[in-house]
Amino acid sequence: MDFNAARKPGLYRRVGEAMGVPGSDDARAIAAVRGLLREVGLPEGLKAHGVRESQLAGLADQAFEDPCHQTNPVPVTRDDLYRLYQQAM
């Protein structure tokens, strides 16, 4: 969400509004989603789910080969995906 919001401001305002976030903007909406994930008990970071640093290149390759990334609100490269996985560790 941070990646997309930085490139397309206002993208998540409606998410925040739907979650009842007062004065919703991207930052508040993203914080609300993170809070929700904590509230339901999902551990933060890929490492908490057993992902190893050595797997990131393969994950980035698979994500880029999957046509789903083409529907992302902003274009992404394979390197973007790799960096996102690194940040998500």
C-alpha atoms as a PDB file:
ATOM      1  CA  MET A   1       0.000   0.000   0.000  1.00  0.00           C
ATOM      2  CA  ASP A   2       2.868   2.385   0.792  1.00  0.00           C
ATOM      3  CA  PHE A   3       4.380   1.733  -2.646  1.00  0.00           C
ATOM      4  CA  ASN A   4       1.144   2.493  -4.467  1.00  0.00           C
ATOM      5  CA  ALA A   5       0.177   5.482  -2.309  1.00  0.00           C
ATOM      6  CA  ALA A   6       3.548   7.135  -2.911  1.00  0.00           C
ATOM      7  CA  ARG A   7       2.983   6.928  -6.656  1.00  0.00           C
ATOM      8  CA  LYS A   8      -0.755   7.565  -6.784  1.00  0.00           C
ATOM      9  CA  PRO A   9      -1.774   9.851  -3.902  1.00  0.00           C
ATOM     10  CA  GLY A  10      -5.351   9.523  -2.703  1.00  0.00           C
ATOM     11  CA  LEU A  11      -5.610   5.908  -3.782  1.00  0.00           C
ATOM     12  CA  TYR A  12      -6.572   4.561  -0.358  1.00  0.00           C
ATOM     13  CA  ARG A  13      -8.717   7.432   0.947  1.00  0.00           C
ATOM     14  CA  ARG A  14     -11.897   5.475   0.214  1.00  0.00           C
ATOM     15  CA  VAL A  15     -10.510   2.429   2.043  1.00  0.00           C
ATOM     16  CA  GLY A  16     -10.071   4.575   5.127  1.00  0.00           C
ATOM     17  CA  GLU A  17     -13.546   6.042   4.748  1.00  0.00           C
ATOM     18  CA  ALA A  18     -15.024   2.538   4.459  1.00  0.00           C
ATOM     19  CA  MET A  19     -13.188   1.600   7.659  1.00  0.00           C
ATOM     20  CA  GLY A  20     -14.622   4.651   9.429  1.00  0.00           C
ATOM     21  CA  VAL A  21     -11.288   6.461   9.715  1.00  0.00           C
ATOM     22  CA  PRO A  22     -11.954  10.150  10.443  1.00  0.00           C
ATOM     23  CA  GLY A  23     -10.198  12.594   8.108  1.00  0.00           C
ATOM     24  CA  SER A  24      -9.101   9.665   6.005  1.00  0.00           C
ATOM     25  CA  ASP A  25      -6.105   9.956   3.720  1.00  0.00           C
ATOM     26  CA  ASP A  26      -3.613   7.380   2.464  1.00  0.00           C
ATOM     27  CA  ALA A  27      -1.472   7.392   5.625  1.00  0.00           C
ATOM     28  CA  ARG A  28      -4.450   6.999   7.956  1.00  0.00           C
ATOM     29  CA  ALA A  29      -6.010   4.306   5.795  1.00  0.00           C
ATOM     30  CA  ILE A  30      -2.766   2.328   5.658  1.00  0.00           C
ATOM     31  CA  ALA A  31      -2.355   2.655   9.429  1.00  0.00           C
ATOM     32  CA  ALA A  32      -5.923   1.413   9.898  1.00  0.00           C
ATOM     33  CA  VAL A  33      -5.282  -1.642   7.722  1.00  0.00           C
ATOM     34  CA  ARG A  34      -2.088  -2.407   9.655  1.00  0.00           C
ATOM     35  CA  GLY A  35      -4.030  -2.059  12.896  1.00  0.00           C
ATOM     36  CA  LEU A  36      -6.696  -4.430  11.615  1.00  0.00           C
ATOM     37  CA  LEU A  37      -4.077  -7.023  10.688  1.00  0.00           C
ATOM     38  CA  ARG A  38      -2.596  -6.791  14.198  1.00  0.00           C
ATOM     39  CA  GLU A  39      -6.066  -6.985  15.721  1.00  0.00           C
ATOM     40  CA  VAL A  40      -6.867 -10.247  13.937  1.00  0.00           C
ATOM     41  CA  GLY A  41      -3.499 -11.675  14.957  1.00  0.00           C
ATOM     42  CA  LEU A  42      -1.623 -11.800  11.655  1.00  0.00           C
ATOM     43  CA  PRO A  43       2.093 -11.559  12.364  1.00  0.00           C
ATOM     44  CA  GLU A  44       3.883  -8.762  10.532  1.00  0.00           C
ATOM     45  CA  GLY A  45       6.616  -9.526   8.027  1.00  0.00           C
ATOM     46  CA  LEU A  46       7.320 -12.398   5.691  1.00  0.00           C
ATOM     47  CA  LYS A  47       9.941 -13.803   8.062  1.00  0.00           C
ATOM     48  CA  ALA A  48       7.169 -14.495  10.578  1.00  0.00           C
ATOM     49  CA  HIS A  49       5.593 -16.726   7.934  1.00  0.00           C
ATOM     50  CA  GLY A  50       8.733 -18.757   7.285  1.00  0.00           C
ATOM     51  CA  VAL A  51      10.027 -16.887   4.228  1.00  0.00           C
ATOM     52  CA  ARG A  52      13.814 -16.790   3.930  1.00  0.00           C
ATOM     53  CA  GLU A  53      15.872 -14.047   2.313  1.00  0.00           C
ATOM     54  CA  SER A  54      17.211 -16.620  -0.162  1.00  0.00           C
ATOM     55  CA  GLN A  55      13.673 -17.125  -1.527  1.00  0.00           C
ATOM     56  CA  LEU A  56      13.004 -13.502  -2.452  1.00  0.00           C
ATOM     57  CA  ALA A  57      14.466 -13.575  -5.970  1.00  0.00           C
ATOM     58  CA  GLY A  58      12.302 -16.556  -6.866  1.00  0.00           C
ATOM     59  CA  LEU A  59       9.230 -14.964  -5.318  1.00  0.00           C
ATOM     60  CA  ALA A  60       9.838 -11.767  -7.288  1.00  0.00           C
ATOM     61  CA  ASP A  61      10.228 -13.763 -10.498  1.00  0.00           C
ATOM     62  CA  GLN A  62       6.987 -15.656  -9.854  1.00  0.00           C
ATOM     63  CA  ALA A  63       5.096 -12.487  -8.961  1.00  0.00           C
ATOM     64  CA  PHE A  64       6.267 -10.743 -12.121  1.00  0.00           C
ATOM     65  CA  GLU A  65       5.371 -13.736 -14.309  1.00  0.00           C
ATOM     66  CA  ASP A  66       1.883 -13.792 -12.784  1.00  0.00           C
ATOM     67  CA  PRO A  67      -0.397 -11.531 -14.843  1.00  0.00           C
ATOM     68  CA  CYS A  68      -2.133 -10.291 -11.668  1.00  0.00           C
ATOM     69  CA  HIS A  69       0.515  -7.599 -11.150  1.00  0.00           C
ATOM     70  CA  GLN A  70      -0.742  -5.960 -14.345  1.00  0.00           C
ATOM     71  CA  THR A  71      -3.875  -4.875 -12.462  1.00  0.00           C
ATOM     72  CA  ASN A  72      -1.864  -3.040  -9.792  1.00  0.00           C
ATOM     73  CA  PRO A  73      -2.879   0.632  -9.653  1.00  0.00           C
ATOM     74  CA  VAL A  74       0.640   1.629 -10.734  1.00  0.00           C
ATOM     75  CA  PRO A  75       3.041  -0.245 -13.020  1.00  0.00           C
ATOM     76  CA  VAL A  76       5.598  -2.475 -11.293  1.00  0.00           C
ATOM     77  CA  THR A  77       8.832  -4.012 -12.491  1.00  0.00           C
ATOM     78  CA  ARG A  78      10.378  -7.244 -11.330  1.00  0.00           C
ATOM     79  CA  ASP A  79      12.917  -5.151  -9.369  1.00  0.00           C
ATOM     80  CA  ASP A  80      10.078  -3.245  -7.695  1.00  0.00           C
ATOM     81  CA  LEU A  81       8.591  -6.543  -6.589  1.00  0.00           C
ATOM     82  CA  TYR A  82      11.936  -7.760  -5.270  1.00  0.00           C
ATOM     83  CA  ARG A  83      12.393  -4.548  -3.227  1.00  0.00           C
ATOM     84  CA  LEU A  84       8.852  -4.871  -1.885  1.00  0.00           C
ATOM     85  CA  TYR A  85       9.600  -8.403  -0.734  1.00  0.00           C
ATOM     86  CA  GLN A  86      12.804  -7.174   0.926  1.00  0.00           C
ATOM     87  CA  GLN A  87      10.872  -4.466   2.739  1.00  0.00           C
ATOM     88  CA  ALA A  88       8.241  -6.980   3.786  1.00  0.00           C
ATOM     89  CA  MET A  89      10.722  -9.250   5.497  1.00  0.00           C
END
